[in-house]
Amino acid sequence: MKIVVLDGYTLNPGDISWDGFRSLGEFACHDRTPADKIAARIGDAEAAITNKTPLTRETFDACPNLKYVGVLATGYNVVDIAAARERGIVVANVSTYGTAAVAQYVFALLLEICHHVRHHADTVGEGRWSRSDYFCYWDYPLIELHGKTMGIVGFGRIGRATAAIAVAMGMTVLAFDENPDKKNETGNIKYSGLDDLLARSDVVSLHVPLFDSTQGMINSASIAGMKDGVIVINTSRGPLVVEEDMRRALESGKVGWYAADVVSVEPISPDNPLLSAKNCILTPHIAWAPKEARERLMNMAVDNLAAFIKGTPRNVVN
């Protein structure tokens, strides 16, 4: 089997191994692939592996030998699923590799908002504490999470892992999911309708996939139903949030803080409205990227392709 990786650098900048894929066939890996070279690089390959490189109907038309697409991520909106289905191309994703890493990152963002550790550490390094007349100082309101309510929108694996950390920190969790499973409820975790969750939560954390039904779900209308000063965390997909609406909510103080590891267009556009918003933390889509998580992703992606070769495809999304 001929296997082509179209954008391997983000998964593996050199600290993990491609040997698993190499063991399955003739292997080629590109750090990234411009749009005008996608079809040519796939060529007559039977398997294309992508992270964020889009695979369209036109790509499939130009690559008739393609039988398998492996997505090096949980989200698979970069692939034209309908076109792949029509052509009998199997599309498989990796859905569980980053659960712990992303849940951990939610709290990295949240705790930065609560304590502003980097800022205060920088002021110490600049000599401000040495010059202080008092034994301590702080430049932002400091927030204790114990006793507060976290609303988790989307209660899949990552949502549930995030809830476990929230409960361990003494928070109450409200969960919204299109298919609630009451077995997930405990004394501190309860399902709720979305409007009720937004109205009652001190912190809202987004964990839903990007579909037509979820795009722009956080907008001026939904924000209006939130608590004044709410903290919103987005480690899922940028287009879940209408960014101009969020900027206005931050400027008005309706939203206290917005912290996101994702934006609507990535890499971020220089004119993204959130870049000029106050009380906004943006990071470059790294929640998924600890080495341990990337190694899991690599191994699971290899296993997906191996299963396809054996005639027993797994994690198929189409």
Protein backbone atom coordinates (compact mmCIF):
# COMPACT_ATOMS: atom_id res chain seq x y z
CA MET A 1 0.00 0.00 0.00
CA LYS A 2 1.19 3.52 -0.84
CA ILE A 3 0.67 5.92 2.08
CA VAL A 4 1.05 9.71 1.95
CA VAL A 5 1.00 12.03 4.97
CA LEU A 6 0.04 15.50 3.79
CA ASP A 7 0.79 17.63 6.88
CA GLY A 8 2.78 15.69 9.41
CA TYR A 9 4.80 18.42 11.10
CA THR A 10 2.29 19.44 13.77
CA LEU A 11 1.84 15.86 14.93
CA ASN A 12 5.51 15.04 14.69
CA PRO A 13 8.03 17.88 14.54
CA GLY A 14 10.72 15.26 15.09
CA ASP A 15 10.25 13.96 18.62
CA ILE A 16 8.18 10.83 17.84
CA SER A 17 8.40 8.14 15.16
CA TRP A 18 6.64 7.45 11.85
CA ASP A 19 7.84 3.83 11.90
CA GLY A 20 4.37 2.45 12.50
CA PHE A 21 3.14 3.85 9.19
CA ARG A 22 6.36 2.84 7.45
CA SER A 23 5.72 -0.76 8.46
CA LEU A 24 2.41 -0.78 6.58
CA GLY A 25 3.61 0.12 3.10
CA GLU A 26 5.42 2.56 0.84
CA PHE A 27 5.51 5.75 2.90
CA ALA A 28 5.96 9.44 2.16
CA CYS A 29 5.55 12.31 4.61
CA HIS A 30 5.25 16.04 3.93
CA ASP A 31 5.50 18.65 6.67
CA ARG A 32 2.68 20.61 5.02
CA THR A 33 0.94 20.64 1.64
CA PRO A 34 -0.31 23.79 -0.12
CA ALA A 35 -3.79 23.58 -1.60
CA ASP A 36 -2.50 23.50 -5.19
CA LYS A 37 -0.32 20.46 -4.51
CA ILE A 38 -2.73 18.21 -2.59
CA ALA A 39 -3.88 16.07 -5.51
CA ALA A 40 -0.38 15.77 -6.95
CA ARG A 41 1.10 14.63 -3.66
CA ILE A 42 -1.60 12.02 -3.16
CA GLY A 43 -1.14 10.87 -6.75
CA ASP A 44 -1.84 7.15 -7.00
CA ALA A 45 -1.65 6.54 -3.24
CA GLU A 46 -4.31 4.34 -1.69
CA ALA A 47 -4.11 6.01 1.73
CA ALA A 48 -3.92 9.73 2.52
CA ILE A 49 -3.26 10.90 6.06
CA THR A 50 -4.29 14.45 6.95
CA ASN A 51 -4.60 16.64 9.97
CA LYS A 52 -5.85 20.00 8.66
CA THR A 53 -5.20 19.68 4.91
CA PRO A 54 -8.64 19.75 3.24
CA LEU A 55 -9.72 16.82 1.07
CA THR A 56 -12.53 17.85 -1.26
CA ARG A 57 -14.69 16.27 -3.91
CA GLU A 58 -12.29 17.66 -6.51
CA THR A 59 -9.36 16.02 -4.76
CA PHE A 60 -11.14 12.66 -4.80
CA ASP A 61 -11.96 13.10 -8.50
CA ALA A 62 -8.28 13.67 -9.22
CA CYS A 63 -7.10 10.70 -7.10
CA PRO A 64 -9.15 7.68 -8.25
CA ASN A 65 -6.84 5.19 -6.53
CA LEU A 66 -7.57 6.61 -3.07
CA LYS A 67 -9.34 4.14 -0.79
CA TYR A 68 -8.65 5.43 2.71
CA VAL A 69 -8.36 8.78 4.50
CA GLY A 70 -6.93 8.84 7.99
CA VAL A 71 -7.56 12.00 9.99
CA LEU A 72 -4.91 12.80 12.59
CA ALA A 73 -7.50 14.44 14.83
CA THR A 74 -10.93 13.99 16.34
CA GLY A 75 -12.64 16.57 14.14
CA TYR A 76 -13.01 15.57 10.51
CA ASN A 77 -14.66 18.61 8.96
CA VAL A 78 -11.62 19.03 6.66
CA VAL A 79 -12.86 16.02 4.66
CA ASP A 80 -15.84 16.08 2.30
CA ILE A 81 -17.53 13.15 3.98
CA ALA A 82 -20.39 12.88 1.51
CA ALA A 83 -18.04 12.78 -1.47
CA ALA A 84 -15.87 10.16 0.23
CA ARG A 85 -18.92 8.02 0.95
CA GLU A 86 -20.07 8.22 -2.67
CA ARG A 87 -16.70 6.97 -3.85
CA GLY A 88 -16.40 4.23 -1.25
CA ILE A 89 -13.45 5.92 0.47
CA VAL A 90 -13.22 5.02 4.14
CA VAL A 91 -12.59 7.98 6.46
CA ALA A 92 -11.36 7.23 9.98
CA ASN A 93 -10.54 9.62 12.81
CA VAL A 94 -8.87 9.34 16.22
CA SER A 95 -11.28 10.32 18.94
CA THR A 96 -9.78 9.54 22.34
CA TYR A 97 -6.10 10.41 22.28
CA GLY A 98 -6.36 13.90 23.78
CA THR A 99 -8.99 13.52 26.47
CA ALA A 100 -6.72 14.07 29.46
CA ALA A 101 -4.57 16.68 27.72
CA VAL A 102 -7.48 18.89 26.64
CA ALA A 103 -9.26 18.65 30.00
CA GLN A 104 -6.00 19.65 31.68
CA TYR A 105 -5.65 22.59 29.31
CA VAL A 106 -9.12 23.88 30.14
CA PHE A 107 -7.88 24.40 33.67
CA ALA A 108 -4.54 25.83 32.53
CA LEU A 109 -6.57 28.60 30.88
CA LEU A 110 -9.04 28.90 33.73
CA LEU A 111 -6.40 29.05 36.45
CA GLU A 112 -4.48 31.70 34.53
CA ILE A 113 -7.64 33.81 34.60
CA CYS A 114 -8.10 33.11 38.30
CA HIS A 115 -4.54 33.99 39.36
CA HIS A 116 -2.60 35.60 36.46
CA VAL A 117 0.47 33.64 37.50
CA ARG A 118 2.66 34.70 34.55
CA HIS A 119 1.93 38.38 35.01
CA HIS A 120 2.64 38.34 38.74
CA ALA A 121 5.79 36.25 38.27
CA ASP A 122 7.01 38.77 35.68
CA THR A 123 6.50 41.66 38.11
CA VAL A 124 8.61 39.84 40.70
CA GLY A 125 11.37 39.34 38.13
CA GLU A 126 11.20 43.05 37.32
CA GLY A 127 11.94 43.87 40.97
CA ARG A 128 8.53 45.14 41.98
CA TRP A 129 8.19 42.84 45.00
CA SER A 130 11.62 43.85 46.25
CA ARG A 131 10.52 47.48 46.14
CA SER A 132 7.11 46.86 47.67
CA ASP A 133 6.11 48.38 51.00
CA TYR A 134 3.86 45.37 51.64
CA PHE A 135 4.48 41.65 51.86
CA CYS A 136 2.17 40.96 48.89
CA TYR A 137 0.27 42.61 46.06
CA TRP A 138 -1.99 41.62 43.16
CA ASP A 139 -3.01 43.47 40.02
CA TYR A 140 -6.16 41.54 39.12
CA PRO A 141 -9.10 40.23 41.15
CA LEU A 142 -8.15 36.73 42.29
CA ILE A 143 -10.84 34.08 41.91
CA GLU A 144 -11.50 30.97 43.98
CA LEU A 145 -13.24 28.21 42.01
CA HIS A 146 -14.50 26.23 44.99
CA GLY A 147 -18.28 26.57 45.22
CA LYS A 148 -18.72 27.98 41.73
CA THR A 149 -20.66 26.38 38.87
CA MET A 150 -19.08 25.17 35.65
CA GLY A 151 -21.34 24.63 32.67
CA ILE A 152 -19.98 22.07 30.23
CA VAL A 153 -21.52 22.23 26.77
CA GLY A 154 -21.00 18.80 25.23
CA PHE A 155 -20.59 15.91 27.65
CA GLY A 156 -18.51 13.42 25.72
CA ARG A 157 -15.16 12.06 26.90
CA ILE A 158 -13.43 15.43 27.16
CA GLY A 159 -16.45 17.08 28.75
CA ARG A 160 -16.65 14.34 31.38
CA ALA A 161 -12.90 14.51 32.07
CA THR A 162 -13.21 18.27 32.50
CA ALA A 163 -16.12 17.74 34.89
CA ALA A 164 -14.05 15.37 37.02
CA ILE A 165 -11.38 18.03 37.50
CA ALA A 166 -14.02 20.66 38.25
CA VAL A 167 -15.59 18.47 40.93
CA ALA A 168 -12.17 17.75 42.43
CA MET A 169 -11.74 21.52 42.77
CA GLY A 170 -15.02 21.86 44.60
CA MET A 171 -17.15 23.09 41.71
CA THR A 172 -20.69 22.09 40.81
CA VAL A 173 -21.13 20.96 37.19
CA LEU A 174 -24.07 21.51 34.86
CA ALA A 175 -23.82 19.46 31.68
CA PHE A 176 -25.60 19.88 28.37
CA ASP A 177 -25.61 17.16 25.74
CA GLU A 178 -27.90 16.29 22.85
CA ASN A 179 -27.99 12.70 24.11
CA PRO A 180 -27.75 12.86 27.90
CA ASP A 181 -26.85 9.68 29.74
CA LYS A 182 -28.19 9.89 33.28
CA LYS A 183 -25.55 7.41 34.45
CA ASN A 184 -23.07 10.28 34.25
CA GLU A 185 -24.90 12.26 36.90
CA THR A 186 -23.58 12.41 40.45
CA GLY A 187 -24.26 14.60 43.45
CA ASN A 188 -22.15 17.37 41.90
CA ILE A 189 -22.88 16.75 38.19
CA LYS A 190 -26.35 17.25 36.72
CA TYR A 191 -27.67 17.54 33.19
CA SER A 192 -29.37 20.76 32.24
CA GLY A 193 -30.95 22.46 29.28
CA LEU A 194 -28.60 24.77 27.40
CA ASP A 195 -30.39 27.99 28.32
CA ASP A 196 -30.52 27.00 31.98
CA LEU A 197 -26.83 26.05 31.94
CA LEU A 198 -25.81 29.38 30.42
CA ALA A 199 -27.93 31.31 32.94
CA ARG A 200 -26.54 29.55 36.01
CA SER A 201 -22.87 28.98 35.21
CA ASP A 202 -19.94 31.04 36.46
CA VAL A 203 -17.71 29.30 33.91
CA VAL A 204 -18.84 27.92 30.54
CA SER A 205 -16.57 25.41 28.80
CA LEU A 206 -17.26 24.32 25.20
CA HIS A 207 -16.78 20.69 24.16
CA VAL A 208 -19.02 20.10 21.14
CA PRO A 209 -17.98 19.22 17.58
CA LEU A 210 -18.34 21.77 14.80
CA PHE A 211 -21.53 21.01 12.88
CA ASP A 212 -24.03 23.28 11.15
CA SER A 213 -26.14 23.04 14.30
CA THR A 214 -23.32 24.19 16.60
CA GLN A 215 -21.60 26.81 14.45
CA GLY A 216 -22.08 30.21 16.05
CA MET A 217 -23.93 28.78 19.05
CA ILE A 218 -22.22 31.33 21.30
CA ASN A 219 -23.52 34.60 19.92
CA SER A 220 -25.07 37.84 21.10
CA ALA A 221 -28.36 36.13 21.97
CA SER A 222 -26.86 33.24 23.93
CA ILE A 223 -24.37 35.53 25.66
CA ALA A 224 -27.25 37.76 26.77
CA GLY A 225 -28.61 34.81 28.74
CA MET A 226 -25.36 34.28 30.63
CA LYS A 227 -24.38 35.64 34.03
CA ASP A 228 -22.73 39.03 34.05
CA GLY A 229 -18.97 38.53 34.24
CA VAL A 230 -19.07 34.90 33.10
CA ILE A 231 -15.85 33.18 32.05
CA VAL A 232 -16.03 31.34 28.72
CA ILE A 233 -13.44 28.71 27.75
CA ASN A 234 -13.19 27.28 24.21
CA THR A 235 -10.83 24.38 23.54
CA SER A 236 -13.10 22.81 20.94
CA ARG A 237 -13.57 24.70 17.66
CA GLY A 238 -13.29 28.41 16.97
CA PRO A 239 -16.44 28.78 14.84
CA LEU A 240 -18.62 27.72 17.76
CA VAL A 241 -18.28 31.36 18.83
CA VAL A 242 -19.28 34.43 16.84
CA GLU A 243 -16.05 36.29 17.51
CA GLU A 244 -17.31 39.82 16.91
CA ASP A 245 -20.17 39.19 19.33
CA MET A 246 -17.69 37.89 21.89
CA ARG A 247 -15.48 40.95 21.44
CA ARG A 248 -18.43 43.24 22.12
CA ALA A 249 -19.40 41.21 25.19
CA LEU A 250 -15.86 41.48 26.54
CA GLU A 251 -15.73 45.22 25.92
CA SER A 252 -19.05 45.73 27.71
CA GLY A 253 -18.09 43.48 30.63
CA LYS A 254 -20.98 41.08 30.04
CA VAL A 255 -18.34 38.37 29.57
CA GLY A 256 -15.61 38.72 32.18
CA TRP A 257 -13.00 36.66 30.34
CA TYR A 258 -12.79 34.61 27.17
CA ALA A 259 -9.97 32.09 26.85
CA ALA A 260 -9.65 30.12 23.63
CA ASP A 261 -7.16 27.71 22.14
CA VAL A 262 -9.04 27.88 18.83
CA VAL A 263 -10.31 30.62 16.50
CA SER A 264 -12.49 30.75 13.42
CA VAL A 265 -9.59 30.81 10.94
CA GLU A 266 -6.29 29.15 11.81
CA PRO A 267 -3.58 30.39 11.78
CA ILE A 268 -5.31 33.44 13.23
CA SER A 269 -6.00 36.30 10.86
CA PRO A 270 -4.33 39.61 11.78
CA ASP A 271 -7.76 41.26 11.72
CA ASN A 272 -9.45 38.77 14.04
CA PRO A 273 -11.59 40.92 16.37
CA LEU A 274 -10.47 39.02 19.44
CA LEU A 275 -6.88 40.21 19.04
CA SER A 276 -7.97 43.68 20.14
CA ALA A 277 -10.43 42.54 22.81
CA LYS A 278 -9.81 43.12 26.50
CA ASN A 279 -9.76 40.23 28.97
CA CYS A 280 -9.11 37.72 26.19
CA ILE A 281 -6.51 34.94 26.23
CA LEU A 282 -5.71 33.24 22.91
CA THR A 283 -3.29 30.35 22.46
CA PRO A 284 -2.24 28.67 19.18
CA HIS A 285 -4.29 25.43 19.24
CA ILE A 286 -1.98 23.48 21.53
CA ALA A 287 -4.32 21.81 24.02
CA TRP A 288 -3.97 18.52 22.13
CA ALA A 289 -0.19 18.64 21.77
CA PRO A 290 1.63 17.18 24.80
CA LYS A 291 4.06 14.52 23.59
CA GLU A 292 2.18 11.79 25.42
CA ALA A 293 -1.05 12.68 23.62
CA ARG A 294 0.66 12.91 20.22
CA GLU A 295 2.22 9.48 20.72
CA ARG A 296 -1.24 8.07 21.47
CA LEU A 297 -2.62 9.78 18.38
CA MET A 298 0.14 8.34 16.20
CA ASN A 299 -0.35 4.82 17.52
CA MET A 300 -4.11 4.94 17.12
CA ALA A 301 -3.87 6.33 13.59
CA VAL A 302 -1.52 3.50 12.66
CA ASP A 303 -3.91 0.98 14.21
CA ASN A 304 -6.79 2.47 12.19
CA LEU A 305 -4.92 2.00 8.92
CA ALA A 306 -3.75 -1.49 9.88
CA ALA A 307 -7.34 -2.48 10.62
CA PHE A 308 -8.45 -1.12 7.24
CA ILE A 309 -5.75 -3.12 5.46
CA LYS A 310 -6.97 -6.26 7.24
CA GLY A 311 -10.52 -5.59 6.06
CA THR A 312 -11.87 -4.63 9.48
CA PRO A 313 -11.92 -0.80 9.43
CA ARG A 314 -12.45 0.96 12.73
CA ASN A 315 -13.29 4.47 13.89
CA VAL A 316 -15.01 5.08 10.55
CA VAL A 317 -16.90 8.39 10.43
CA ASN A 318 -18.63 7.99 7.06
